[in-house]
């Protein structure tokens, strides 16, 4: 009763106090929700505790450039010579064009889309929800594609997308995989890909780029050489790579075993008097840490703590 009489007696002061407290709690709640979202990227994957991203540090001439992409040869070395690794998948991102015949129109509509070129193991590591179709054909058919529900709706409306064809420009894609920048421009060429599955919508946040189209990657090349007139240009392939380690395996031990595996099985020659393991240093980063601590991430952890501090100050 005393508190109530005080509130009634000092109406303006009480209103300001209550309003300030409410705004403080609301602002702090918003900050905590934002931080919670940022700190829970990639926690939804079924094998999140065993999924690791490979990060590479290139050190040809002591430049120590760290990246979330690694040299393509690492794929075969890890897959064939690191026994505690259960699966490994590569992914490459690129922009290309797709064509489709819009209903009621005679000509092809074409527009740009971001495409992910992935190994079949990608969908065994990352358990995307499948809204239509099944993944089996994607593992065995190089002319198959998986698309998102948004793109399926855009292309085919309410019709089922399964079995439909999408005409994808492959000027920058060959039958073996991806040809990266530095190549001479090629005449545009298109190839039909059959939709075998549709990925459902999700509210989960992920550091893995969520593209609208996925097509199979079958590239086993490590180096591509092209002759332009009197000049020969050599390009090295690199990919983002993800692994799942076996149940009970120790990620630190796997990481510590990689230098020996590189030195023993790499086809790379010593350069600048460095061994392969000194040129390519590989680190394992758990997928749940990739959003905040990845090689291409700067200052995310600091921002999280700054926001927590701001919430405390507001309260």
C-alpha atoms as a PDB file:
ATOM      1  CA  UNK A   1       0.000   0.000   0.000  1.00  0.00           C
ATOM      2  CA  UNK A   2       2.870   2.387   0.827  1.00  0.00           C
ATOM      3  CA  UNK A   3       4.373   1.827  -2.627  1.00  0.00           C
ATOM      4  CA  UNK A   4       1.000   2.379  -4.309  1.00  0.00           C
ATOM      5  CA  UNK A   5       0.418   5.667  -2.395  1.00  0.00           C
ATOM      6  CA  UNK A   6       3.904   6.805  -3.417  1.00  0.00           C
ATOM      7  CA  UNK A   7       3.196   6.036  -7.060  1.00  0.00           C
ATOM      8  CA  UNK A   8      -0.101   7.944  -6.948  1.00  0.00           C
ATOM      9  CA  UNK A   9       1.433  10.909  -5.150  1.00  0.00           C
ATOM     10  CA  UNK A  10       4.357  11.230  -7.558  1.00  0.00           C
ATOM     11  CA  UNK A  11       2.600  10.395 -10.826  1.00  0.00           C
ATOM     12  CA  UNK A  12       5.046  11.981 -13.285  1.00  0.00           C
ATOM     13  CA  UNK A  13       8.153  10.679 -11.554  1.00  0.00           C
ATOM     14  CA  UNK A  14       6.611   7.207 -11.218  1.00  0.00           C
ATOM     15  CA  UNK A  15       5.551   7.149 -14.888  1.00  0.00           C
ATOM     16  CA  UNK A  16       9.027   8.151 -16.048  1.00  0.00           C
ATOM     17  CA  UNK A  17      10.646   5.548 -13.804  1.00  0.00           C
ATOM     18  CA  UNK A  18       8.362   2.745 -14.971  1.00  0.00           C
ATOM     19  CA  UNK A  19       8.677   3.804 -18.625  1.00  0.00           C
ATOM     20  CA  UNK A  20      12.469   3.957 -18.347  1.00  0.00           C
ATOM     21  CA  UNK A  21      12.612   0.523 -16.735  1.00  0.00           C
ATOM     22  CA  UNK A  22      10.314  -0.926 -19.427  1.00  0.00           C
ATOM     23  CA  UNK A  23      12.366   0.578 -22.240  1.00  0.00           C
ATOM     24  CA  UNK A  24      15.562  -0.669 -20.596  1.00  0.00           C
ATOM     25  CA  UNK A  25      14.220  -4.204 -20.296  1.00  0.00           C
ATOM     26  CA  UNK A  26      12.909  -4.113 -23.885  1.00  0.00           C
ATOM     27  CA  UNK A  27      16.215  -2.833 -25.291  1.00  0.00           C
ATOM     28  CA  UNK A  28      18.186  -5.396 -23.303  1.00  0.00           C
ATOM     29  CA  UNK A  29      15.835  -8.175 -24.452  1.00  0.00           C
ATOM     30  CA  UNK A  30      16.346  -7.172 -28.099  1.00  0.00           C
ATOM     31  CA  UNK A  31      20.139  -7.180 -27.643  1.00  0.00           C
ATOM     32  CA  UNK A  32      20.062 -10.595 -25.962  1.00  0.00           C
ATOM     33  CA  UNK A  33      17.890 -12.019 -28.775  1.00  0.00           C
ATOM     34  CA  UNK A  34      20.281 -10.632 -31.409  1.00  0.00           C
ATOM     35  CA  UNK A  35      23.284 -12.109 -29.607  1.00  0.00           C
ATOM     36  CA  UNK A  36      21.531 -15.438 -29.107  1.00  0.00           C
ATOM     37  CA  UNK A  37      20.857 -15.631 -32.849  1.00  0.00           C
ATOM     38  CA  UNK A  38      24.451 -14.739 -33.700  1.00  0.00           C
ATOM     39  CA  UNK A  39      25.825 -17.332 -31.275  1.00  0.00           C
ATOM     40  CA  UNK A  40      23.578 -20.146 -32.536  1.00  0.00           C
ATOM     41  CA  UNK A  41      24.476 -20.230 -36.224  1.00  0.00           C
ATOM     42  CA  UNK A  42      24.793 -23.803 -37.527  1.00  0.00           C
ATOM     43  CA  UNK A  43      23.688 -25.429 -34.268  1.00  0.00           C
ATOM     44  CA  UNK A  44      20.739 -27.062 -36.055  1.00  0.00           C
ATOM     45  CA  UNK A  45      22.721 -29.521 -38.191  1.00  0.00           C
ATOM     46  CA  UNK A  46      22.280 -33.107 -37.027  1.00  0.00           C
ATOM     47  CA  UNK A  47      26.052 -33.707 -36.809  1.00  0.00           C
ATOM     48  CA  UNK A  48      27.051 -30.156 -35.807  1.00  0.00           C
ATOM     49  CA  UNK A  49      29.393 -31.365 -33.043  1.00  0.00           C
ATOM     50  CA  UNK A  50      31.312 -33.460 -35.596  1.00  0.00           C
ATOM     51  CA  UNK A  51      31.283 -31.083 -38.578  1.00  0.00           C
ATOM     52  CA  UNK A  52      34.447 -29.077 -39.195  1.00  0.00           C
ATOM     53  CA  UNK A  53      35.401 -26.535 -41.822  1.00  0.00           C
ATOM     54  CA  UNK A  54      38.915 -26.772 -43.245  1.00  0.00           C
ATOM     55  CA  UNK A  55      40.743 -23.453 -43.163  1.00  0.00           C
ATOM     56  CA  UNK A  56      43.991 -22.990 -44.999  1.00  0.00           C
ATOM     57  CA  UNK A  57      46.951 -20.681 -44.474  1.00  0.00           C
ATOM     58  CA  UNK A  58      49.058 -20.247 -47.606  1.00  0.00           C
ATOM     59  CA  UNK A  59      52.711 -19.513 -46.988  1.00  0.00           C
ATOM     60  CA  UNK A  60      54.656 -19.510 -50.250  1.00  0.00           C
ATOM     61  CA  UNK A  61      56.720 -16.448 -49.327  1.00  0.00           C
ATOM     62  CA  UNK A  62      55.895 -15.915 -45.629  1.00  0.00           C
ATOM     63  CA  UNK A  63      52.663 -14.025 -46.415  1.00  0.00           C
ATOM     64  CA  UNK A  64      50.544 -16.270 -44.133  1.00  0.00           C
ATOM     65  CA  UNK A  65      47.234 -15.623 -45.869  1.00  0.00           C
ATOM     66  CA  UNK A  66      44.446 -17.462 -44.056  1.00  0.00           C
ATOM     67  CA  UNK A  67      41.278 -18.374 -45.924  1.00  0.00           C
ATOM     68  CA  UNK A  68      38.180 -20.538 -45.676  1.00  0.00           C
ATOM     69  CA  UNK A  69      39.247 -22.112 -48.976  1.00  0.00           C
ATOM     70  CA  UNK A  70      41.902 -24.809 -49.280  1.00  0.00           C
ATOM     71  CA  UNK A  71      43.932 -26.271 -52.124  1.00  0.00           C
ATOM     72  CA  UNK A  72      42.021 -28.928 -54.056  1.00  0.00           C
ATOM     73  CA  UNK A  73      44.640 -31.624 -53.460  1.00  0.00           C
ATOM     74  CA  UNK A  74      43.729 -31.591 -49.745  1.00  0.00           C
ATOM     75  CA  UNK A  75      40.459 -33.314 -50.677  1.00  0.00           C
ATOM     76  CA  UNK A  76      42.071 -36.553 -51.885  1.00  0.00           C
ATOM     77  CA  UNK A  77      44.650 -36.564 -49.095  1.00  0.00           C
ATOM     78  CA  UNK A  78      42.052 -36.221 -46.335  1.00  0.00           C
ATOM     79  CA  UNK A  79      39.560 -38.568 -47.990  1.00  0.00           C
ATOM     80  CA  UNK A  80      42.034 -41.378 -48.619  1.00  0.00           C
ATOM     81  CA  UNK A  81      44.665 -41.036 -45.901  1.00  0.00           C
ATOM     82  CA  UNK A  82      43.048 -39.629 -42.722  1.00  0.00           C
ATOM     83  CA  UNK A  83      41.112 -42.574 -41.238  1.00  0.00           C
ATOM     84  CA  UNK A  84      39.222 -40.653 -38.528  1.00  0.00           C
ATOM     85  CA  UNK A  85      37.443 -38.519 -41.138  1.00  0.00           C
ATOM     86  CA  UNK A  86      34.014 -39.962 -41.915  1.00  0.00           C
ATOM     87  CA  UNK A  87      33.051 -37.736 -44.864  1.00  0.00           C
ATOM     88  CA  UNK A  88      34.481 -34.786 -46.763  1.00  0.00           C
ATOM     89  CA  UNK A  89      32.716 -32.467 -49.198  1.00  0.00           C
ATOM     90  CA  UNK A  90      33.796 -29.606 -51.421  1.00  0.00           C
ATOM     91  CA  UNK A  91      31.702 -26.597 -52.379  1.00  0.00           C
ATOM     92  CA  UNK A  92      32.319 -23.833 -54.899  1.00  0.00           C
ATOM     93  CA  UNK A  93      30.124 -20.782 -55.416  1.00  0.00           C
ATOM     94  CA  UNK A  94      29.581 -18.927 -58.656  1.00  0.00           C
ATOM     95  CA  UNK A  95      27.099 -16.728 -60.483  1.00  0.00           C
ATOM     96  CA  UNK A  96      25.590 -17.976 -63.719  1.00  0.00           C
ATOM     97  CA  UNK A  97      22.436 -17.666 -65.783  1.00  0.00           C
ATOM     98  CA  UNK A  98      19.488 -20.001 -66.050  1.00  0.00           C
ATOM     99  CA  UNK A  99      16.779 -20.189 -68.669  1.00  0.00           C
ATOM    100  CA  UNK A 100      13.249 -21.496 -68.562  1.00  0.00           C
ATOM    101  CA  UNK A 101      10.150 -21.167 -70.729  1.00  0.00           C
ATOM    102  CA  UNK A 102       7.614 -19.036 -68.906  1.00  0.00           C
ATOM    103  CA  UNK A 103       4.069 -20.351 -69.161  1.00  0.00           C
ATOM    104  CA  UNK A 104       2.088 -18.593 -71.888  1.00  0.00           C
ATOM    105  CA  UNK A 105       5.208 -17.188 -73.566  1.00  0.00           C
ATOM    106  CA  UNK A 106       7.176 -18.560 -76.504  1.00  0.00           C
ATOM    107  CA  UNK A 107      10.633 -17.196 -75.673  1.00  0.00           C
ATOM    108  CA  UNK A 108      13.040 -18.132 -72.948  1.00  0.00           C
ATOM    109  CA  UNK A 109      13.294 -16.034 -69.814  1.00  0.00           C
ATOM    110  CA  UNK A 110      16.806 -15.875 -68.391  1.00  0.00           C
ATOM    111  CA  UNK A 111      18.204 -14.356 -65.213  1.00  0.00           C
ATOM    112  CA  UNK A 112      21.231 -14.612 -62.969  1.00  0.00           C
ATOM    113  CA  UNK A 113      21.392 -17.002 -60.033  1.00  0.00           C
ATOM    114  CA  UNK A 114      24.033 -17.964 -57.503  1.00  0.00           C
ATOM    115  CA  UNK A 115      24.892 -21.640 -57.921  1.00  0.00           C
ATOM    116  CA  UNK A 116      26.626 -24.015 -55.523  1.00  0.00           C
ATOM    117  CA  UNK A 117      28.659 -26.834 -57.075  1.00  0.00           C
ATOM    118  CA  UNK A 118      28.923 -29.546 -54.423  1.00  0.00           C
ATOM    119  CA  UNK A 119      30.010 -33.134 -53.858  1.00  0.00           C
ATOM    120  CA  UNK A 120      27.308 -35.702 -53.196  1.00  0.00           C
ATOM    121  CA  UNK A 121      28.594 -35.968 -49.608  1.00  0.00           C
ATOM    122  CA  UNK A 122      27.556 -32.353 -49.005  1.00  0.00           C
ATOM    123  CA  UNK A 123      23.941 -33.329 -48.358  1.00  0.00           C
ATOM    124  CA  UNK A 124      25.051 -36.193 -46.111  1.00  0.00           C
ATOM    125  CA  UNK A 125      27.013 -33.760 -43.955  1.00  0.00           C
ATOM    126  CA  UNK A 126      24.391 -31.007 -43.966  1.00  0.00           C
ATOM    127  CA  UNK A 127      20.904 -32.452 -43.486  1.00  0.00           C
ATOM    128  CA  UNK A 128      18.776 -29.972 -45.407  1.00  0.00           C
ATOM    129  CA  UNK A 129      15.035 -30.518 -45.147  1.00  0.00           C
ATOM    130  CA  UNK A 130      13.742 -31.927 -48.436  1.00  0.00           C
ATOM    131  CA  UNK A 131      10.266 -30.672 -49.358  1.00  0.00           C
ATOM    132  CA  UNK A 132       9.941 -32.581 -52.657  1.00  0.00           C
ATOM    133  CA  UNK A 133      11.771 -35.452 -54.336  1.00  0.00           C
ATOM    134  CA  UNK A 134      14.746 -37.369 -52.987  1.00  0.00           C
ATOM    135  CA  UNK A 135      18.515 -37.081 -53.010  1.00  0.00           C
ATOM    136  CA  UNK A 136      19.421 -40.498 -54.446  1.00  0.00           C
ATOM    137  CA  UNK A 137      19.511 -39.359 -58.070  1.00  0.00           C
ATOM    138  CA  UNK A 138      21.699 -36.360 -57.235  1.00  0.00           C
ATOM    139  CA  UNK A 139      24.390 -38.747 -56.025  1.00  0.00           C
ATOM    140  CA  UNK A 140      24.453 -40.701 -59.283  1.00  0.00           C
ATOM    141  CA  UNK A 141      23.368 -38.332 -62.095  1.00  0.00           C
ATOM    142  CA  UNK A 142      25.694 -35.517 -63.155  1.00  0.00           C
ATOM    143  CA  UNK A 143      22.798 -33.816 -64.969  1.00  0.00           C
ATOM    144  CA  UNK A 144      20.631 -33.501 -61.872  1.00  0.00           C
ATOM    145  CA  UNK A 145      20.036 -30.420 -59.759  1.00  0.00           C
ATOM    146  CA  UNK A 146      18.532 -29.520 -56.407  1.00  0.00           C
ATOM    147  CA  UNK A 147      16.737 -26.190 -56.006  1.00  0.00           C
ATOM    148  CA  UNK A 148      15.054 -24.276 -53.199  1.00  0.00           C
ATOM    149  CA  UNK A 149      11.327 -23.864 -52.677  1.00  0.00           C
ATOM    150  CA  UNK A 150      11.581 -20.168 -53.536  1.00  0.00           C
ATOM    151  CA  UNK A 151      13.114 -20.881 -56.934  1.00  0.00           C
ATOM    152  CA  UNK A 152      10.689 -23.760 -57.574  1.00  0.00           C
ATOM    153  CA  UNK A 153       7.792 -21.382 -56.918  1.00  0.00           C
ATOM    154  CA  UNK A 154       9.330 -18.740 -59.168  1.00  0.00           C
ATOM    155  CA  UNK A 155       9.888 -21.138 -62.062  1.00  0.00           C
ATOM    156  CA  UNK A 156       7.006 -23.578 -61.843  1.00  0.00           C
ATOM    157  CA  UNK A 157       4.328 -21.946 -59.695  1.00  0.00           C
ATOM    158  CA  UNK A 158       2.162 -24.495 -57.912  1.00  0.00           C
ATOM    159  CA  UNK A 159       3.310 -27.366 -60.134  1.00  0.00           C
ATOM    160  CA  UNK A 160       5.710 -29.969 -58.802  1.00  0.00           C
ATOM    161  CA  UNK A 161       9.293 -29.147 -59.755  1.00  0.00           C
ATOM    162  CA  UNK A 162      10.439 -32.778 -59.722  1.00  0.00           C
ATOM    163  CA  UNK A 163      11.480 -33.977 -63.171  1.00  0.00           C
ATOM    164  CA  UNK A 164      11.375 -30.482 -64.668  1.00  0.00           C
ATOM    165  CA  UNK A 165      14.371 -29.177 -66.638  1.00  0.00           C
ATOM    166  CA  UNK A 166      16.342 -26.016 -65.942  1.00  0.00           C
ATOM    167  CA  UNK A 167      18.694 -24.708 -68.609  1.00  0.00           C
ATOM    168  CA  UNK A 168      21.886 -23.582 -66.835  1.00  0.00           C
ATOM    169  CA  UNK A 169      24.718 -21.660 -68.465  1.00  0.00           C
ATOM    170  CA  UNK A 170      27.877 -23.752 -68.189  1.00  0.00           C
ATOM    171  CA  UNK A 171      30.338 -21.364 -69.836  1.00  0.00           C
ATOM    172  CA  UNK A 172      32.342 -21.313 -66.612  1.00  0.00           C
ATOM    173  CA  UNK A 173      31.646 -24.932 -65.721  1.00  0.00           C
ATOM    174  CA  UNK A 174      33.111 -27.965 -67.445  1.00  0.00           C
ATOM    175  CA  UNK A 175      32.176 -31.633 -67.015  1.00  0.00           C
ATOM    176  CA  UNK A 176      34.823 -32.052 -64.345  1.00  0.00           C
ATOM    177  CA  UNK A 177      33.947 -29.092 -62.158  1.00  0.00           C
ATOM    178  CA  UNK A 178      34.655 -25.404 -61.892  1.00  0.00           C
ATOM    179  CA  UNK A 179      36.987 -23.253 -63.938  1.00  0.00           C
ATOM    180  CA  UNK A 180      37.801 -20.134 -61.949  1.00  0.00           C
ATOM    181  CA  UNK A 181      38.597 -16.555 -62.897  1.00  0.00           C
ATOM    182  CA  UNK A 182      41.517 -15.793 -65.160  1.00  0.00           C
ATOM    183  CA  UNK A 183      40.162 -17.849 -68.036  1.00  0.00           C
ATOM    184  CA  UNK A 184      39.473 -16.301 -71.409  1.00  0.00           C
ATOM    185  CA  UNK A 185      35.814 -15.532 -72.025  1.00  0.00           C
ATOM    186  CA  UNK A 186      33.942 -18.373 -73.647  1.00  0.00           C
ATOM    187  CA  UNK A 187      30.886 -18.358 -75.850  1.00  0.00           C
ATOM    188  CA  UNK A 188      27.799 -18.910 -73.703  1.00  0.00           C
ATOM    189  CA  UNK A 189      26.697 -22.535 -73.588  1.00  0.00           C
ATOM    190  CA  UNK A 190      23.732 -24.017 -71.751  1.00  0.00           C
ATOM    191  CA  UNK A 191      22.952 -27.477 -70.411  1.00  0.00           C
ATOM    192  CA  UNK A 192      19.709 -28.999 -69.178  1.00  0.00           C
ATOM    193  CA  UNK A 193      19.636 -30.137 -65.543  1.00  0.00           C
ATOM    194  CA  UNK A 194      16.760 -32.199 -64.158  1.00  0.00           C
ATOM    195  CA  UNK A 195      15.310 -31.229 -60.780  1.00  0.00           C
ATOM    196  CA  UNK A 196      15.466 -34.246 -58.445  1.00  0.00           C
ATOM    197  CA  UNK A 197      14.773 -32.547 -55.106  1.00  0.00           C
ATOM    198  CA  UNK A 198      13.532 -29.297 -53.598  1.00  0.00           C
ATOM    199  CA  UNK A 199      14.964 -27.906 -50.358  1.00  0.00           C
ATOM    200  CA  UNK A 200      12.343 -26.678 -47.907  1.00  0.00           C
ATOM    201  CA  UNK A 201      12.375 -23.267 -46.266  1.00  0.00           C
ATOM    202  CA  UNK A 202      14.072 -22.930 -42.900  1.00  0.00           C
ATOM    203  CA  UNK A 203      14.322 -20.308 -40.192  1.00  0.00           C
ATOM    204  CA  UNK A 204      17.709 -21.603 -39.020  1.00  0.00           C
ATOM    205  CA  UNK A 205      20.763 -19.399 -39.551  1.00  0.00           C
ATOM    206  CA  UNK A 206      23.865 -20.837 -41.186  1.00  0.00           C
ATOM    207  CA  UNK A 207      27.317 -19.734 -42.261  1.00  0.00           C
ATOM    208  CA  UNK A 208      26.925 -22.044 -45.274  1.00  0.00           C
ATOM    209  CA  UNK A 209      25.788 -19.912 -48.241  1.00  0.00           C
ATOM    210  CA  UNK A 210      22.176 -20.808 -49.031  1.00  0.00           C
ATOM    211  CA  UNK A 211      22.024 -20.731 -52.826  1.00  0.00           C
ATOM    212  CA  UNK A 212      18.968 -21.452 -54.935  1.00  0.00           C
ATOM    213  CA  UNK A 213      20.616 -24.076 -57.160  1.00  0.00           C
ATOM    214  CA  UNK A 214      22.949 -26.989 -56.391  1.00  0.00           C
ATOM    215  CA  UNK A 215      24.645 -29.015 -59.116  1.00  0.00           C
ATOM    216  CA  UNK A 216      27.094 -31.944 -58.808  1.00  0.00           C
ATOM    217  CA  UNK A 217      30.844 -31.419 -58.615  1.00  0.00           C
ATOM    218  CA  UNK A 218      32.963 -34.153 -60.214  1.00  0.00           C
ATOM    219  CA  UNK A 219      36.307 -32.364 -60.400  1.00  0.00           C
ATOM    220  CA  UNK A 220      39.470 -34.293 -59.516  1.00  0.00           C
ATOM    221  CA  UNK A 221      41.865 -31.776 -61.036  1.00  0.00           C
ATOM    222  CA  UNK A 222      44.312 -29.851 -58.894  1.00  0.00           C
ATOM    223  CA  UNK A 223      45.844 -27.611 -61.547  1.00  0.00           C
ATOM    224  CA  UNK A 224      44.524 -26.247 -64.834  1.00  0.00           C
ATOM    225  CA  UNK A 225      46.861 -25.057 -67.583  1.00  0.00           C
ATOM    226  CA  UNK A 226      45.782 -22.982 -70.568  1.00  0.00           C
ATOM    227  CA  UNK A 227      47.812 -21.695 -73.496  1.00  0.00           C
ATOM    228  CA  UNK A 228      46.970 -18.162 -74.656  1.00  0.00           C
ATOM    229  CA  UNK A 229      49.007 -17.512 -77.800  1.00  0.00           C
ATOM    230  CA  UNK A 230      52.633 -17.650 -76.765  1.00  0.00           C
ATOM    231  CA  UNK A 231      51.847 -17.563 -73.038  1.00  0.00           C
ATOM    232  CA  UNK A 232      50.911 -20.516 -70.845  1.00  0.00           C
ATOM    233  CA  UNK A 233      48.846 -19.730 -67.727  1.00  0.00           C
ATOM    234  CA  UNK A 234      48.485 -22.143 -64.822  1.00  0.00           C
ATOM    235  CA  UNK A 235      45.656 -21.941 -62.287  1.00  0.00           C
ATOM    236  CA  UNK A 236      45.264 -23.857 -59.050  1.00  0.00           C
ATOM    237  CA  UNK A 237      41.843 -25.030 -57.921  1.00  0.00           C
ATOM    238  CA  UNK A 238      40.626 -24.326 -54.412  1.00  0.00           C
ATOM    239  CA  UNK A 239      37.371 -25.026 -52.587  1.00  0.00           C
ATOM    240  CA  UNK A 240      35.591 -24.590 -49.310  1.00  0.00           C
ATOM    241  CA  UNK A 241      35.734 -28.028 -47.658  1.00  0.00           C
ATOM    242  CA  UNK A 242      33.823 -29.563 -44.775  1.00  0.00           C
ATOM    243  CA  UNK A 243      34.322 -32.852 -42.973  1.00  0.00           C
ATOM    244  CA  UNK A 244      32.519 -34.953 -40.424  1.00  0.00           C
ATOM    245  CA  UNK A 245      34.781 -36.815 -38.062  1.00  0.00           C
ATOM    246  CA  UNK A 246      33.924 -40.272 -36.768  1.00  0.00           C
ATOM    247  CA  UNK A 247      32.149 -40.678 -33.431  1.00  0.00           C
ATOM    248  CA  UNK A 248      34.746 -40.569 -30.663  1.00  0.00           C
ATOM    249  CA  UNK A 249      37.459 -39.121 -32.920  1.00  0.00           C
ATOM    250  CA  UNK A 250      39.549 -36.200 -31.677  1.00  0.00           C
ATOM    251  CA  UNK A 251      39.623 -33.160 -33.970  1.00  0.00           C
ATOM    252  CA  UNK A 252      42.905 -31.902 -32.515  1.00  0.00           C
ATOM    253  CA  UNK A 253      44.623 -35.214 -33.256  1.00  0.00           C
ATOM    254  CA  UNK A 254      43.269 -35.136 -36.805  1.00  0.00           C
ATOM    255  CA  UNK A 255      44.576 -31.608 -37.303  1.00  0.00           C
ATOM    256  CA  UNK A 256      47.978 -32.572 -35.889  1.00  0.00           C
ATOM    257  CA  UNK A 257      48.175 -35.534 -38.298  1.00  0.00           C
ATOM    258  CA  UNK A 258      47.583 -33.411 -41.408  1.00  0.00           C
ATOM    259  CA  UNK A 259      51.160 -32.065 -41.851  1.00  0.00           C
ATOM    260  CA  UNK A 260      52.582 -35.593 -42.061  1.00  0.00           C
ATOM    261  CA  UNK A 261      49.835 -36.623 -44.495  1.00  0.00           C
ATOM    262  CA  UNK A 262      50.534 -33.585 -46.681  1.00  0.00           C
ATOM    263  CA  UNK A 263      54.274 -34.203 -46.762  1.00  0.00           C
ATOM    264  CA  UNK A 264      53.798 -37.885 -47.538  1.00  0.00           C
ATOM    265  CA  UNK A 265      51.014 -37.796 -50.140  1.00  0.00           C
ATOM    266  CA  UNK A 266      51.090 -34.337 -51.714  1.00  0.00           C
ATOM    267  CA  UNK A 267      52.214 -34.131 -55.328  1.00  0.00           C
ATOM    268  CA  UNK A 268      53.451 -30.584 -54.736  1.00  0.00           C
ATOM    269  CA  UNK A 269      57.182 -30.064 -54.969  1.00  0.00           C
ATOM    270  CA  UNK A 270      59.198 -28.166 -52.400  1.00  0.00           C
ATOM    271  CA  UNK A 271      59.006 -24.446 -53.141  1.00  0.00           C
ATOM    272  CA  UNK A 272      61.254 -21.781 -51.642  1.00  0.00           C
ATOM    273  CA  UNK A 273      62.819 -24.617 -49.650  1.00  0.00           C
ATOM    274  CA  UNK A 274      59.460 -25.324 -47.928  1.00  0.00           C
ATOM    275  CA  UNK A 275      57.726 -28.669 -47.503  1.00  0.00           C
ATOM    276  CA  UNK A 276      54.066 -29.008 -48.634  1.00  0.00           C
ATOM    277  CA  UNK A 277      52.915 -28.826 -45.003  1.00  0.00           C
ATOM    278  CA  UNK A 278      54.807 -25.542 -44.581  1.00  0.00           C
ATOM    279  CA  UNK A 279      53.181 -24.082 -47.683  1.00  0.00           C
ATOM    280  CA  UNK A 280      49.639 -25.224 -46.857  1.00  0.00           C
ATOM    281  CA  UNK A 281      48.744 -25.183 -43.150  1.00  0.00           C
ATOM    282  CA  UNK A 282      45.309 -26.687 -42.447  1.00  0.00           C
ATOM    283  CA  UNK A 283      43.200 -25.877 -39.369  1.00  0.00           C
ATOM    284  CA  UNK A 284      39.901 -27.471 -38.312  1.00  0.00           C
ATOM    285  CA  UNK A 285      37.112 -25.139 -37.167  1.00  0.00           C
ATOM    286  CA  UNK A 286      33.899 -26.576 -35.757  1.00  0.00           C
ATOM    287  CA  UNK A 287      30.948 -25.494 -37.860  1.00  0.00           C
ATOM    288  CA  UNK A 288      29.251 -23.918 -34.816  1.00  0.00           C
ATOM    289  CA  UNK A 289      32.177 -21.472 -34.547  1.00  0.00           C
ATOM    290  CA  UNK A 290      32.418 -20.623 -38.238  1.00  0.00           C
ATOM    291  CA  UNK A 291      30.075 -17.613 -38.152  1.00  0.00           C
ATOM    292  CA  UNK A 292      31.919 -15.866 -35.324  1.00  0.00           C
ATOM    293  CA  UNK A 293      35.483 -17.160 -35.657  1.00  0.00           C
ATOM    294  CA  UNK A 294      35.937 -18.069 -39.327  1.00  0.00           C
ATOM    295  CA  UNK A 295      38.962 -17.049 -41.352  1.00  0.00           C
ATOM    296  CA  UNK A 296      37.051 -14.328 -43.201  1.00  0.00           C
ATOM    297  CA  UNK A 297      35.326 -13.006 -40.076  1.00  0.00           C
ATOM    298  CA  UNK A 298      36.599  -9.895 -38.288  1.00  0.00           C
ATOM    299  CA  UNK A 299      35.495  -8.592 -34.898  1.00  0.00           C
ATOM    300  CA  UNK A 300      32.296 -10.614 -34.481  1.00  0.00           C
ATOM    301  CA  UNK A 301      33.140 -11.903 -30.993  1.00  0.00           C
ATOM    302  CA  UNK A 302      34.066  -8.378 -29.880  1.00  0.00           C
ATOM    303  CA  UNK A 303      30.703  -7.073 -31.152  1.00  0.00           C
ATOM    304  CA  UNK A 304      28.867  -9.748 -29.170  1.00  0.00           C
ATOM    305  CA  UNK A 305      30.588  -8.742 -25.913  1.00  0.00           C
ATOM    306  CA  UNK A 306      30.078  -5.041 -26.653  1.00  0.00           C
ATOM    307  CA  UNK A 307      26.345  -5.629 -27.051  1.00  0.00           C
ATOM    308  CA  UNK A 308      26.190  -7.615 -23.812  1.00  0.00           C
ATOM    309  CA  UNK A 309      27.981  -4.731 -22.092  1.00  0.00           C
ATOM    310  CA  UNK A 310      25.554  -2.225 -23.619  1.00  0.00           C
ATOM    311  CA  UNK A 311      22.605  -4.266 -22.323  1.00  0.00           C
ATOM    312  CA  UNK A 312      24.093  -4.227 -18.830  1.00  0.00           C
ATOM    313  CA  UNK A 313      24.667  -0.463 -18.960  1.00  0.00           C
ATOM    314  CA  UNK A 314      21.098   0.168 -20.145  1.00  0.00           C
ATOM    315  CA  UNK A 315      19.671  -1.872 -17.285  1.00  0.00           C
END
